[in-house]
Amino acid sequence: MSQALAPVVRAVGVQKIYRTRNAEPVTALTNVTLDIQAGEFISLIGPSGCGKSTLLRLIADLDAPSSGDLTVNGKPPATARLDRDYGMVFQAATLYDWRSVSQNVQLPLEIMGIPKAERQRRAQEMLELVELGKFAKHYPWQLSGGMQQRVAIARALAFQPKLLLMDEPFGALDEFTRERMNLELLRLWQATQTTVVFVTHSIAEAVFLSSRVVVMSPRPGRITAVLDIDLPYPRTFETRELPRFFQLVTEVRELLRDAHTFDE
């Protein structure tokens, strides 16, 4: 009998406490236990301040747990970071205006010492993947907000990471652009088979995108429910009109309300 593959992300009893010199310690996360399998699309959802972004930062080794065990591809997060096991996309595209679109996508490849011809080829391949191949020589300030986020996603995928971490990447976009970006992201996810961990405040967005939705409580953040999303892929604009979609949105909303009531 073949053994099951180890999870891409494993958190066991993870806690994060922020300590300041002149204030009481603040517990951002407590007893977070979660396995994320290869190829999953996981959304983290909960009220502001519940620790969604904190958990993402711990996975990305931008911060360290106060206690508990956390691994990425079976390694400590710091090792996974050095091994370039993940890419990260933030709410702001964080592109450099003095670099062309192609040069922005190439930046992590430059840091890795990839030869110029190879990084140009890979950058163009990623731009074609996000349907911006014709904009390689443009500059970020010449692009719309949605296009800039697609460049940021192309940059995060340029070194072919096994894991993509996304912290509210579409939060600043208008509703129509956001729905279009949701479709683009699902297309990329299925094309690359990358594992995605996605932070959002939008219940509808979480349900539309995810294979599972992780519901978190108000601070101190903890996981109160994990809901399987049984909507078939590929998903389309019409998916949002299905009765099952509305049922799942209602279920997530009730889980969030229950988590808040429990905390009180």
Protein backbone atom coordinates (compact mmCIF):
# COMPACT_ATOMS: atom_id res chain seq x y z
CA MET A 1 0.00 0.00 0.00
CA SER A 2 1.42 3.41 -1.00
CA GLN A 3 1.92 5.98 1.71
CA ALA A 4 -0.01 9.25 1.59
CA LEU A 5 2.06 12.25 0.59
CA ALA A 6 3.14 14.55 3.40
CA PRO A 7 1.21 17.83 3.55
CA VAL A 8 2.70 20.89 1.89
CA VAL A 9 1.94 22.86 5.06
CA ARG A 10 1.55 21.29 8.49
CA ALA A 11 0.74 23.34 11.59
CA VAL A 12 0.41 21.62 14.96
CA GLY A 13 -0.52 23.63 18.05
CA VAL A 14 0.90 26.84 16.61
CA GLN A 15 0.72 29.92 18.82
CA LYS A 16 1.90 33.47 18.17
CA ILE A 17 2.26 35.98 20.98
CA TYR A 18 3.45 39.51 20.29
CA ARG A 19 5.39 41.03 23.15
CA THR A 20 6.04 44.75 23.51
CA ARG A 21 8.16 46.60 26.02
CA ASN A 22 5.40 48.70 27.57
CA ALA A 23 2.20 46.73 26.97
CA GLU A 24 0.61 43.43 27.85
CA PRO A 25 1.43 40.51 25.50
CA VAL A 26 -1.04 40.07 22.65
CA THR A 27 -1.96 36.54 21.58
CA ALA A 28 -2.60 36.65 17.83
CA LEU A 29 -2.93 32.90 17.27
CA THR A 30 -3.57 30.01 19.63
CA ASN A 31 -3.51 26.24 19.10
CA VAL A 32 -3.70 26.37 15.29
CA THR A 33 -3.57 22.88 13.80
CA LEU A 34 -3.99 22.42 10.04
CA ASP A 35 -2.73 20.23 7.21
CA ILE A 36 -2.72 21.59 3.65
CA GLN A 37 -2.25 18.98 0.93
CA ALA A 38 -0.53 19.39 -2.42
CA GLY A 39 -2.75 20.98 -5.05
CA GLU A 40 -5.34 22.35 -2.64
CA PHE A 41 -6.78 25.85 -2.81
CA ILE A 42 -7.26 26.90 0.82
CA SER A 43 -8.87 30.16 1.89
CA LEU A 44 -8.45 31.59 5.38
CA ILE A 45 -11.40 33.71 6.44
CA GLY A 46 -12.36 35.47 9.65
CA PRO A 47 -12.91 38.92 11.15
CA SER A 48 -10.21 41.58 11.06
CA GLY A 49 -7.50 40.88 13.59
CA CYS A 50 -8.18 37.13 13.78
CA GLY A 51 -4.67 36.18 12.69
CA LYS A 52 -5.23 35.19 9.05
CA SER A 53 -2.32 37.25 7.78
CA THR A 54 -0.26 36.32 10.83
CA LEU A 55 -0.61 32.63 9.95
CA LEU A 56 0.40 33.39 6.36
CA ARG A 57 3.45 35.31 7.61
CA LEU A 58 4.48 32.37 9.80
CA ILE A 59 4.26 30.01 6.82
CA ALA A 60 6.35 32.47 4.79
CA ASP A 61 8.98 32.82 7.55
CA LEU A 62 8.29 36.54 7.80
CA ASP A 63 7.67 35.90 11.48
CA ALA A 64 8.25 32.96 13.83
CA PRO A 65 5.76 31.00 15.97
CA SER A 66 5.98 31.47 19.71
CA SER A 67 5.26 27.76 20.16
CA GLY A 68 4.03 24.74 18.26
CA ASP A 69 5.34 23.04 15.14
CA LEU A 70 5.14 24.42 11.60
CA THR A 71 6.62 22.87 8.46
CA VAL A 72 6.53 23.73 4.76
CA ASN A 73 7.26 20.82 2.42
CA GLY A 74 8.46 18.93 5.46
CA LYS A 75 11.00 21.64 6.38
CA PRO A 76 11.15 24.51 8.83
CA PRO A 77 9.76 27.65 7.17
CA ALA A 78 13.20 29.27 7.15
CA THR A 79 14.62 26.37 5.14
CA ALA A 80 11.64 26.42 2.77
CA ARG A 81 12.23 30.14 2.22
CA LEU A 82 15.89 29.60 1.39
CA ASP A 83 14.91 26.75 -0.95
CA ARG A 84 12.43 29.05 -2.76
CA ASP A 85 9.57 26.67 -2.03
CA TYR A 86 6.91 29.38 -2.09
CA GLY A 87 5.95 32.63 -3.75
CA MET A 88 3.97 35.39 -2.08
CA VAL A 89 1.51 37.99 -3.37
CA PHE A 90 0.42 40.89 -1.14
CA GLN A 91 -2.60 43.19 -1.30
CA ALA A 92 -0.47 45.83 -3.03
CA ALA A 93 1.32 44.67 -6.17
CA THR A 94 4.66 46.14 -4.87
CA LEU A 95 6.13 46.56 -8.34
CA TYR A 96 9.09 48.83 -9.11
CA ASP A 97 7.99 51.69 -11.36
CA TRP A 98 11.47 52.14 -12.85
CA ARG A 99 11.58 48.53 -14.03
CA SER A 100 9.60 47.25 -17.00
CA VAL A 101 6.91 44.64 -16.48
CA SER A 102 9.31 41.93 -17.70
CA GLN A 103 12.09 43.19 -15.44
CA ASN A 104 9.75 43.13 -12.45
CA VAL A 105 8.87 39.49 -13.15
CA GLN A 106 12.55 38.66 -13.59
CA LEU A 107 13.58 40.16 -10.24
CA PRO A 108 13.51 36.96 -8.12
CA LEU A 109 15.29 35.12 -10.93
CA GLU A 110 18.02 37.78 -10.91
CA ILE A 111 18.42 37.33 -7.17
CA MET A 112 18.74 33.58 -7.73
CA GLY A 113 21.49 34.15 -10.31
CA ILE A 114 19.55 32.72 -13.26
CA PRO A 115 21.26 33.60 -16.58
CA LYS A 116 19.73 36.56 -18.43
CA ALA A 117 18.42 34.63 -21.43
CA GLU A 118 16.71 32.05 -19.22
CA ARG A 119 15.09 34.60 -16.93
CA GLN A 120 13.83 36.59 -19.94
CA ARG A 121 12.36 33.41 -21.41
CA ARG A 122 10.71 32.42 -18.14
CA ALA A 123 9.37 35.93 -17.50
CA GLN A 124 7.77 36.00 -20.93
CA GLU A 125 6.29 32.55 -20.34
CA MET A 126 4.74 33.71 -17.06
CA LEU A 127 3.41 36.90 -18.65
CA GLU A 128 1.79 34.85 -21.39
CA LEU A 129 0.26 32.66 -18.68
CA VAL A 130 -1.39 35.71 -17.06
CA GLU A 131 -2.35 37.04 -20.52
CA LEU A 132 0.02 40.03 -20.38
CA GLY A 133 2.57 38.88 -22.94
CA LYS A 134 2.11 42.03 -25.01
CA PHE A 135 2.87 44.27 -22.03
CA ALA A 136 6.40 43.02 -21.25
CA LYS A 137 8.03 46.34 -22.16
CA HIS A 138 5.43 48.51 -20.43
CA TYR A 139 5.96 49.98 -16.96
CA PRO A 140 3.71 49.35 -13.93
CA TRP A 141 2.33 52.89 -13.92
CA GLN A 142 0.97 52.25 -17.42
CA LEU A 143 -1.19 49.33 -16.19
CA SER A 144 -4.51 49.10 -14.38
CA GLY A 145 -4.67 47.80 -10.80
CA GLY A 146 -5.86 44.39 -11.93
CA MET A 147 -3.08 44.13 -14.50
CA GLN A 148 -0.50 45.07 -11.88
CA GLN A 149 -1.73 42.26 -9.65
CA ARG A 150 -1.40 39.83 -12.55
CA VAL A 151 2.22 40.96 -12.94
CA ALA A 152 2.75 40.35 -9.21
CA ILE A 153 1.31 36.84 -9.59
CA ALA A 154 3.54 36.19 -12.62
CA ARG A 155 6.55 37.29 -10.56
CA ALA A 156 5.57 34.98 -7.69
CA LEU A 157 5.25 32.05 -10.11
CA ALA A 158 8.41 32.82 -12.09
CA PHE A 159 10.64 30.50 -10.09
CA GLN A 160 8.01 27.73 -10.16
CA PRO A 161 7.25 27.49 -6.42
CA LYS A 162 5.28 24.57 -5.03
CA LEU A 163 3.25 26.91 -2.84
CA LEU A 164 1.64 30.29 -3.50
CA LEU A 165 0.73 32.47 -0.50
CA MET A 166 -1.74 35.30 -1.20
CA ASP A 167 -2.67 37.97 1.35
CA GLU A 168 -5.89 39.67 0.18
CA PRO A 169 -4.43 40.26 -3.29
CA PHE A 170 -7.70 41.56 -4.79
CA GLY A 171 -8.98 43.54 -1.81
CA ALA A 172 -8.35 46.95 -3.43
CA LEU A 173 -10.02 46.12 -6.77
CA ASP A 174 -13.53 46.98 -7.85
CA GLU A 175 -16.06 44.15 -7.75
CA PHE A 176 -16.11 43.40 -11.48
CA THR A 177 -12.30 43.34 -11.76
CA ARG A 178 -12.11 41.22 -8.63
CA GLU A 179 -14.47 38.60 -10.06
CA ARG A 180 -12.46 38.53 -13.28
CA MET A 181 -9.23 38.10 -11.27
CA ASN A 182 -10.85 35.22 -9.36
CA LEU A 183 -11.41 33.43 -12.67
CA GLU A 184 -7.86 34.19 -13.82
CA LEU A 185 -6.43 32.87 -10.56
CA LEU A 186 -8.39 29.62 -10.83
CA ARG A 187 -7.16 29.17 -14.39
CA LEU A 188 -3.55 29.68 -13.27
CA TRP A 189 -4.00 27.37 -10.28
CA GLN A 190 -5.28 24.56 -12.49
CA ALA A 191 -2.59 25.18 -15.12
CA THR A 192 0.31 25.17 -12.67
CA GLN A 193 -1.08 22.75 -10.03
CA THR A 194 0.43 25.00 -7.38
CA THR A 195 -0.91 24.77 -3.83
CA VAL A 196 -2.56 28.07 -2.84
CA VAL A 197 -3.19 29.57 0.60
CA PHE A 198 -5.39 32.62 0.18
CA VAL A 199 -6.42 35.21 2.79
CA THR A 200 -9.70 37.05 2.21
CA HIS A 201 -12.48 38.90 4.01
CA SER A 202 -15.00 38.01 1.31
CA ILE A 203 -17.19 34.98 1.97
CA ALA A 204 -18.30 34.78 -1.67
CA GLU A 205 -14.70 34.95 -2.89
CA ALA A 206 -13.59 32.23 -0.48
CA VAL A 207 -16.40 29.90 -1.56
CA PHE A 208 -15.90 30.59 -5.27
CA LEU A 209 -12.16 29.92 -5.24
CA SER A 210 -11.54 27.25 -2.67
CA SER A 211 -11.42 23.52 -2.33
CA ARG A 212 -11.63 24.12 1.45
CA VAL A 213 -12.44 27.20 3.54
CA VAL A 214 -10.77 27.58 6.94
CA VAL A 215 -12.89 29.63 9.35
CA MET A 216 -11.07 31.51 12.11
CA SER A 217 -12.33 33.10 15.33
CA PRO A 218 -11.74 36.65 16.60
CA ARG A 219 -8.44 37.18 18.41
CA PRO A 220 -6.89 35.12 19.76
CA GLY A 221 -7.24 33.49 16.35
CA ARG A 222 -7.94 29.80 16.19
CA ILE A 223 -9.50 27.51 13.61
CA THR A 224 -13.15 26.90 14.46
CA ALA A 225 -14.21 25.04 11.29
CA VAL A 226 -12.90 23.69 7.99
CA LEU A 227 -15.52 23.43 5.26
CA ASP A 228 -15.13 21.35 2.10
CA ILE A 229 -16.38 23.23 -0.97
CA ASP A 230 -18.01 20.70 -3.26
CA LEU A 231 -18.65 23.00 -6.24
CA PRO A 232 -17.25 21.40 -9.41
CA TYR A 233 -14.26 22.80 -11.29
CA PRO A 234 -13.77 24.58 -13.59
CA ARG A 235 -15.79 27.39 -12.05
CA THR A 236 -17.31 30.18 -14.11
CA PHE A 237 -19.36 33.34 -13.63
CA GLU A 238 -22.41 31.04 -13.69
CA THR A 239 -21.09 29.16 -10.64
CA ARG A 240 -22.05 32.18 -8.54
CA GLU A 241 -25.68 31.70 -9.59
CA LEU A 242 -25.95 28.08 -8.48
CA PRO A 243 -28.19 27.26 -5.48
CA ARG A 244 -25.32 25.27 -3.96
CA PHE A 245 -23.08 28.34 -4.11
CA PHE A 246 -25.59 30.34 -2.07
CA GLN A 247 -25.98 27.44 0.38
CA LEU A 248 -22.21 27.33 0.96
CA VAL A 249 -21.98 31.12 1.35
CA THR A 250 -24.71 30.93 3.99
CA GLU A 251 -22.95 28.06 5.75
CA VAL A 252 -19.65 29.96 5.93
CA ARG A 253 -21.48 33.06 7.20
CA GLU A 254 -23.14 31.01 9.95
CA LEU A 255 -19.82 29.42 10.91
CA LEU A 256 -18.27 32.88 11.21
CA ARG A 257 -21.19 34.07 13.35
CA ASP A 258 -20.94 30.98 15.56
CA ALA A 259 -17.19 31.55 16.00
CA HIS A 260 -17.81 35.14 17.06
CA THR A 261 -20.61 34.15 19.46
CA PHE A 262 -18.43 31.45 21.00
CA ASP A 263 -15.65 33.95 21.56
CA GLU A 264 -18.00 36.29 23.42
